[in-house]
C-alpha atoms as a PDB file:
ATOM      1  CA  MET A   1      48.910 135.215  10.587  1.00  0.00           C
ATOM      2  CA  LEU A   2      50.115 132.490  12.933  1.00  0.00           C
ATOM      3  CA  LYS A   3      47.301 133.314  15.331  1.00  0.00           C
ATOM      4  CA  LYS A   4      44.725 132.866  12.565  1.00  0.00           C
ATOM      5  CA  ILE A   5      46.200 129.469  11.560  1.00  0.00           C
ATOM      6  CA  PHE A   6      46.203 128.385  15.207  1.00  0.00           C
ATOM      7  CA  TYR A   7      42.495 129.256  15.569  1.00  0.00           C
ATOM      8  CA  HIS A   8      41.626 127.326  12.399  1.00  0.00           C
ATOM      9  CA  ILE A   9      43.540 124.268  13.623  1.00  0.00           C
ATOM     10  CA  MET A  10      41.798 124.471  17.011  1.00  0.00           C
ATOM     11  CA  ALA A  11      38.389 124.804  15.350  1.00  0.00           C
ATOM     12  CA  VAL A  12      39.027 121.731  13.180  1.00  0.00           C
ATOM     13  CA  ALA A  13      40.304 119.755  16.191  1.00  0.00           C
ATOM     14  CA  LEU A  14      37.265 120.768  18.248  1.00  0.00           C
ATOM     15  CA  LEU A  15      34.916 119.782  15.432  1.00  0.00           C
ATOM     16  CA  ALA A  16      36.663 116.414  15.021  1.00  0.00           C
ATOM     17  CA  CYS A  17      36.447 115.728  18.769  1.00  0.00           C
ATOM     18  CA  SER A  18      32.766 116.683  18.816  1.00  0.00           C
ATOM     19  CA  LEU A  19      31.993 114.342  15.939  1.00  0.00           C
ATOM     20  CA  LEU A  20      33.992 111.526  17.498  1.00  0.00           C
ATOM     21  CA  LEU A  21      32.359 111.864  20.908  1.00  0.00           C
ATOM     22  CA  GLY A  22      28.932 112.366  19.372  1.00  0.00           C
ATOM     23  CA  GLY A  23      29.385 109.213  17.347  1.00  0.00           C
ATOM     24  CA  CYS A  24      30.379 107.253  20.456  1.00  0.00           C
ATOM     25  CA  ILE A  25      27.345 108.457  22.371  1.00  0.00           C
ATOM     26  CA  PHE A  26      24.772 107.950  19.653  1.00  0.00           C
ATOM     27  CA  MET A  27      26.005 104.803  17.909  1.00  0.00           C
ATOM     28  CA  LYS A  28      23.835 101.741  18.002  1.00  0.00           C
ATOM     29  CA  GLY A  29      24.818  99.762  21.061  1.00  0.00           C
ATOM     30  CA  GLY A  30      24.429 102.614  23.489  1.00  0.00           C
ATOM     31  CA  TYR A  31      28.025 103.741  23.971  1.00  0.00           C
ATOM     32  CA  SER A  32      28.577 106.362  26.642  1.00  0.00           C
ATOM     33  CA  LEU A  33      31.380 108.442  28.092  1.00  0.00           C
ATOM     34  CA  SER A  34      31.648 106.028  31.034  1.00  0.00           C
ATOM     35  CA  GLY A  35      32.895 103.335  28.673  1.00  0.00           C
ATOM     36  CA  ALA A  36      29.685 101.373  29.047  1.00  0.00           C
ATOM     37  CA  SER A  37      28.228  99.587  26.045  1.00  0.00           C
ATOM     38  CA  ILE A  38      24.663  98.819  27.061  1.00  0.00           C
ATOM     39  CA  PRO A  39      22.289  97.361  24.439  1.00  0.00           C
ATOM     40  CA  GLU A  40      19.579  99.869  23.559  1.00  0.00           C
ATOM     41  CA  ALA A  41      16.887  97.307  24.410  1.00  0.00           C
ATOM     42  CA  ALA A  42      18.164  96.998  28.003  1.00  0.00           C
ATOM     43  CA  LYS A  43      16.058  99.121  30.345  1.00  0.00           C
ATOM     44  CA  THR A  44      16.526  97.643  33.831  1.00  0.00           C
ATOM     45  CA  PHE A  45      19.071  96.117  36.180  1.00  0.00           C
ATOM     46  CA  SER A  46      18.760  94.166  39.420  1.00  0.00           C
ATOM     47  CA  VAL A  47      21.274  93.331  42.120  1.00  0.00           C
ATOM     48  CA  ALA A  48      20.519  90.555  44.605  1.00  0.00           C
ATOM     49  CA  TYR A  49      22.034  90.743  48.088  1.00  0.00           C
ATOM     50  CA  PHE A  50      25.589  89.319  48.138  1.00  0.00           C
ATOM     51  CA  PRO A  51      25.895  87.204  51.305  1.00  0.00           C
ATOM     52  CA  ASN A  52      29.279  86.898  52.953  1.00  0.00           C
ATOM     53  CA  ASN A  53      30.120  83.184  52.912  1.00  0.00           C
ATOM     54  CA  ALA A  54      33.850  83.627  53.485  1.00  0.00           C
ATOM     55  CA  PRO A  55      35.433  81.827  56.446  1.00  0.00           C
ATOM     56  CA  MET A  56      36.465  85.227  57.872  1.00  0.00           C
ATOM     57  CA  VAL A  57      33.667  87.817  57.810  1.00  0.00           C
ATOM     58  CA  SER A  58      33.547  91.603  57.805  1.00  0.00           C
ATOM     59  CA  PRO A  59      30.157  92.551  59.322  1.00  0.00           C
ATOM     60  CA  THR A  60      29.190  95.281  56.826  1.00  0.00           C
ATOM     61  CA  LEU A  61      30.869  93.943  53.683  1.00  0.00           C
ATOM     62  CA  SER A  62      27.777  92.321  52.145  1.00  0.00           C
ATOM     63  CA  THR A  63      25.749  95.512  52.356  1.00  0.00           C
ATOM     64  CA  THR A  64      28.675  97.679  51.223  1.00  0.00           C
ATOM     65  CA  LEU A  65      29.275  95.545  48.126  1.00  0.00           C
ATOM     66  CA  THR A  66      25.609  95.178  47.189  1.00  0.00           C
ATOM     67  CA  GLU A  67      24.901  98.908  47.540  1.00  0.00           C
ATOM     68  CA  ALA A  68      28.084  99.913  45.708  1.00  0.00           C
ATOM     69  CA  LEU A  69      27.120  97.766  42.704  1.00  0.00           C
ATOM     70  CA  LYS A  70      23.612  99.262  42.650  1.00  0.00           C
ATOM     71  CA  ASP A  71      25.048 102.760  42.933  1.00  0.00           C
ATOM     72  CA  LYS A  72      27.551 102.202  40.105  1.00  0.00           C
ATOM     73  CA  PHE A  73      24.855 101.131  37.645  1.00  0.00           C
ATOM     74  CA  SER A  74      22.453 103.854  38.784  1.00  0.00           C
ATOM     75  CA  ARG A  75      25.067 106.587  38.328  1.00  0.00           C
ATOM     76  CA  GLN A  76      26.801 105.410  35.162  1.00  0.00           C
ATOM     77  CA  THR A  77      23.981 104.003  33.052  1.00  0.00           C
ATOM     78  CA  LYS A  78      20.430 104.913  32.110  1.00  0.00           C
ATOM     79  CA  LEU A  79      19.164 101.549  33.372  1.00  0.00           C
ATOM     80  CA  GLN A  80      16.416 101.661  35.988  1.00  0.00           C
ATOM     81  CA  GLN A  81      16.876  99.567  39.105  1.00  0.00           C
ATOM     82  CA  VAL A  82      14.269  96.866  39.796  1.00  0.00           C
ATOM     83  CA  ASP A  83      14.083  94.392  42.666  1.00  0.00           C
ATOM     84  CA  ASP A  84      14.691  91.295  40.531  1.00  0.00           C
ATOM     85  CA  ASN A  85      14.764  89.924  36.975  1.00  0.00           C
ATOM     86  CA  GLY A  86      16.398  92.988  35.429  1.00  0.00           C
ATOM     87  CA  ASP A  87      17.657  92.987  31.860  1.00  0.00           C
ATOM     88  CA  PHE A  88      21.063  93.061  33.575  1.00  0.00           C
ATOM     89  CA  ALA A  89      20.767  90.829  36.670  1.00  0.00           C
ATOM     90  CA  PHE A  90      23.509  90.293  39.234  1.00  0.00           C
ATOM     91  CA  GLU A  91      23.723  87.773  42.036  1.00  0.00           C
ATOM     92  CA  GLY A  92      26.577  86.192  43.895  1.00  0.00           C
ATOM     93  CA  GLU A  93      28.431  85.797  47.149  1.00  0.00           C
ATOM     94  CA  ILE A  94      31.560  86.887  48.945  1.00  0.00           C
ATOM     95  CA  VAL A  95      33.737  83.779  49.067  1.00  0.00           C
ATOM     96  CA  GLY A  96      37.035  85.080  50.377  1.00  0.00           C
ATOM     97  CA  TYR A  97      38.140  87.595  52.985  1.00  0.00           C
ATOM     98  CA  THR A  98      41.735  87.003  54.028  1.00  0.00           C
ATOM     99  CA  SER A  99      44.571  88.905  55.614  1.00  0.00           C
ATOM    100  CA  THR A 100      48.066  87.590  54.861  1.00  0.00           C
ATOM    101  CA  THR A 101      51.632  88.823  55.134  1.00  0.00           C
ATOM    102  CA  ALA A 102      52.583  90.772  52.010  1.00  0.00           C
ATOM    103  CA  SER A 103      56.104  91.886  52.822  1.00  0.00           C
ATOM    104  CA  VAL A 104      58.750  90.758  55.290  1.00  0.00           C
ATOM    105  CA  SER A 105      61.765  92.720  56.559  1.00  0.00           C
ATOM    106  CA  SER A 106      65.317  91.405  56.469  1.00  0.00           C
ATOM    107  CA  ASP A 107      64.940  90.194  60.064  1.00  0.00           C
ATOM    108  CA  ASN A 108      61.818  88.174  59.135  1.00  0.00           C
ATOM    109  CA  TYR A 109      59.214  90.490  60.649  1.00  0.00           C
ATOM    110  CA  ALA A 110      56.073  91.369  58.726  1.00  0.00           C
ATOM    111  CA  VAL A 111      56.187  94.888  57.300  1.00  0.00           C
ATOM    112  CA  LEU A 112      52.966  94.853  55.307  1.00  0.00           C
ATOM    113  CA  ASN A 113      49.828  92.773  55.455  1.00  0.00           C
ATOM    114  CA  ARG A 114      47.427  92.282  52.560  1.00  0.00           C
ATOM    115  CA  LEU A 115      43.640  92.152  52.790  1.00  0.00           C
ATOM    116  CA  THR A 116      42.116  90.275  49.845  1.00  0.00           C
ATOM    117  CA  ILE A 117      38.417  90.025  49.011  1.00  0.00           C
ATOM    118  CA  ARG A 118      37.056  87.471  46.514  1.00  0.00           C
ATOM    119  CA  VAL A 119      33.532  87.644  45.102  1.00  0.00           C
ATOM    120  CA  LYS A 120      31.704  85.154  42.866  1.00  0.00           C
ATOM    121  CA  VAL A 121      29.331  86.916  40.482  1.00  0.00           C
ATOM    122  CA  LYS A 122      26.649  85.494  38.237  1.00  0.00           C
ATOM    123  CA  PHE A 123      25.635  88.073  35.627  1.00  0.00           C
ATOM    124  CA  ASN A 124      22.622  87.407  33.418  1.00  0.00           C
ATOM    125  CA  ASN A 125      22.262  89.626  30.354  1.00  0.00           C
ATOM    126  CA  VAL A 126      18.715  88.963  29.136  1.00  0.00           C
ATOM    127  CA  ILE A 127      19.157  91.048  25.982  1.00  0.00           C
ATOM    128  CA  GLU A 128      22.475  89.521  24.867  1.00  0.00           C
ATOM    129  CA  PRO A 129      22.754  86.137  26.649  1.00  0.00           C
ATOM    130  CA  ASP A 130      26.191  85.429  25.139  1.00  0.00           C
ATOM    131  CA  ASN A 131      27.549  88.289  27.267  1.00  0.00           C
ATOM    132  CA  SER A 132      26.357  86.679  30.511  1.00  0.00           C
ATOM    133  CA  PHE A 133      29.006  85.257  32.815  1.00  0.00           C
ATOM    134  CA  ASN A 134      29.651  83.375  36.034  1.00  0.00           C
ATOM    135  CA  ARG A 135      33.088  84.264  37.386  1.00  0.00           C
ATOM    136  CA  GLU A 136      35.147  85.367  40.346  1.00  0.00           C
ATOM    137  CA  PHE A 137      36.510  88.863  40.968  1.00  0.00           C
ATOM    138  CA  SER A 138      39.133  89.752  43.538  1.00  0.00           C
ATOM    139  CA  ALA A 139      41.137  92.729  44.700  1.00  0.00           C
ATOM    140  CA  PHE A 140      43.447  93.559  47.582  1.00  0.00           C
ATOM    141  CA  ALA A 141      44.929  96.406  49.589  1.00  0.00           C
ATOM    142  CA  ASP A 142      48.032  96.438  51.759  1.00  0.00           C
ATOM    143  CA  TYR A 143      48.289  97.880  55.253  1.00  0.00           C
ATOM    144  CA  GLU A 144      51.061  98.322  57.789  1.00  0.00           C
ATOM    145  CA  SER A 145      51.657  95.316  60.009  1.00  0.00           C
ATOM    146  CA  THR A 146      51.868  97.629  63.010  1.00  0.00           C
ATOM    147  CA  LYS A 147      48.107  98.131  62.707  1.00  0.00           C
ATOM    148  CA  LEU A 148      45.379  95.674  63.532  1.00  0.00           C
ATOM    149  CA  LEU A 149      43.016  94.771  60.711  1.00  0.00           C
ATOM    150  CA  THR A 150      40.115  96.105  62.787  1.00  0.00           C
ATOM    151  CA  GLU A 151      41.780  99.545  62.803  1.00  0.00           C
ATOM    152  CA  VAL A 152      41.843  99.835  58.997  1.00  0.00           C
ATOM    153  CA  GLN A 153      39.102  97.421  58.011  1.00  0.00           C
ATOM    154  CA  SER A 154      36.340  99.828  56.988  1.00  0.00           C
ATOM    155  CA  GLU A 155      38.718 101.961  54.911  1.00  0.00           C
ATOM    156  CA  LEU A 156      40.256  98.923  53.187  1.00  0.00           C
ATOM    157  CA  ASP A 157      36.868  97.290  52.613  1.00  0.00           C
ATOM    158  CA  ALA A 158      35.607 100.444  50.851  1.00  0.00           C
ATOM    159  CA  GLN A 159      38.755 100.709  48.728  1.00  0.00           C
ATOM    160  CA  ILE A 160      38.681  97.054  47.673  1.00  0.00           C
ATOM    161  CA  VAL A 161      34.916  97.035  47.036  1.00  0.00           C
ATOM    162  CA  GLU A 162      35.295 100.073  44.751  1.00  0.00           C
ATOM    163  CA  GLU A 163      37.877  98.204  42.678  1.00  0.00           C
ATOM    164  CA  ILE A 164      35.807  95.010  42.502  1.00  0.00           C
ATOM    165  CA  VAL A 165      32.633  96.905  41.557  1.00  0.00           C
ATOM    166  CA  THR A 166      34.523  98.728  38.795  1.00  0.00           C
ATOM    167  CA  ASP A 167      35.781  95.376  37.466  1.00  0.00           C
ATOM    168  CA  ILE A 168      32.255  93.903  37.557  1.00  0.00           C
ATOM    169  CA  PHE A 169      30.848  96.982  35.806  1.00  0.00           C
ATOM    170  CA  GLN A 170      33.461  96.794  33.059  1.00  0.00           C
ATOM    171  CA  ALA A 171      32.916  93.063  32.551  1.00  0.00           C
ATOM    172  CA  ALA A 172      29.136  93.460  32.332  1.00  0.00           C
ATOM    173  CA  ALA A 173      28.749  96.773  30.536  1.00  0.00           C
ATOM    174  CA  SER A 174      31.743  96.942  28.197  1.00  0.00           C
ATOM    175  CA  ASN A 175      32.420  94.929  25.097  1.00  0.00           C
ATOM    176  CA  TRP A 176      36.201  95.327  25.237  1.00  0.00           C
END
């Protein structure tokens, strides 16, 4: 008897989840499981090259950031990438790339350093212009002070870029 009740409860829960998820996917506004809320009329996106205009420069950062943003929108939306003038258009520049002391020991020696990347982004939403923005995104990662930045740079750059790209994606494609 208990087994039968359990199966009925599970069936109802499964049906409710299916309806809820189905509603999120097919509602007007283009909701998806990625959390994106892309207007149905939007068909394309474009990402201009993000030059590195920071006083301190990482040689591959511009390409890494630009390609990561393209990849994020290609993988998590149905928008088609175009060279320029997309319905969702991104441009900007890297304005900060700094390494500072993040933590000091009791004898005043650096224990951790912090790499911070700052990016200015201009997002133009052609379909819903009120959702366009021009703002700065930043993220950081800490590394041991016993290591040189050049030893951990590519790993930290990738980690920080992933976080910044996720923040840009959420700001542009989510109405939260």
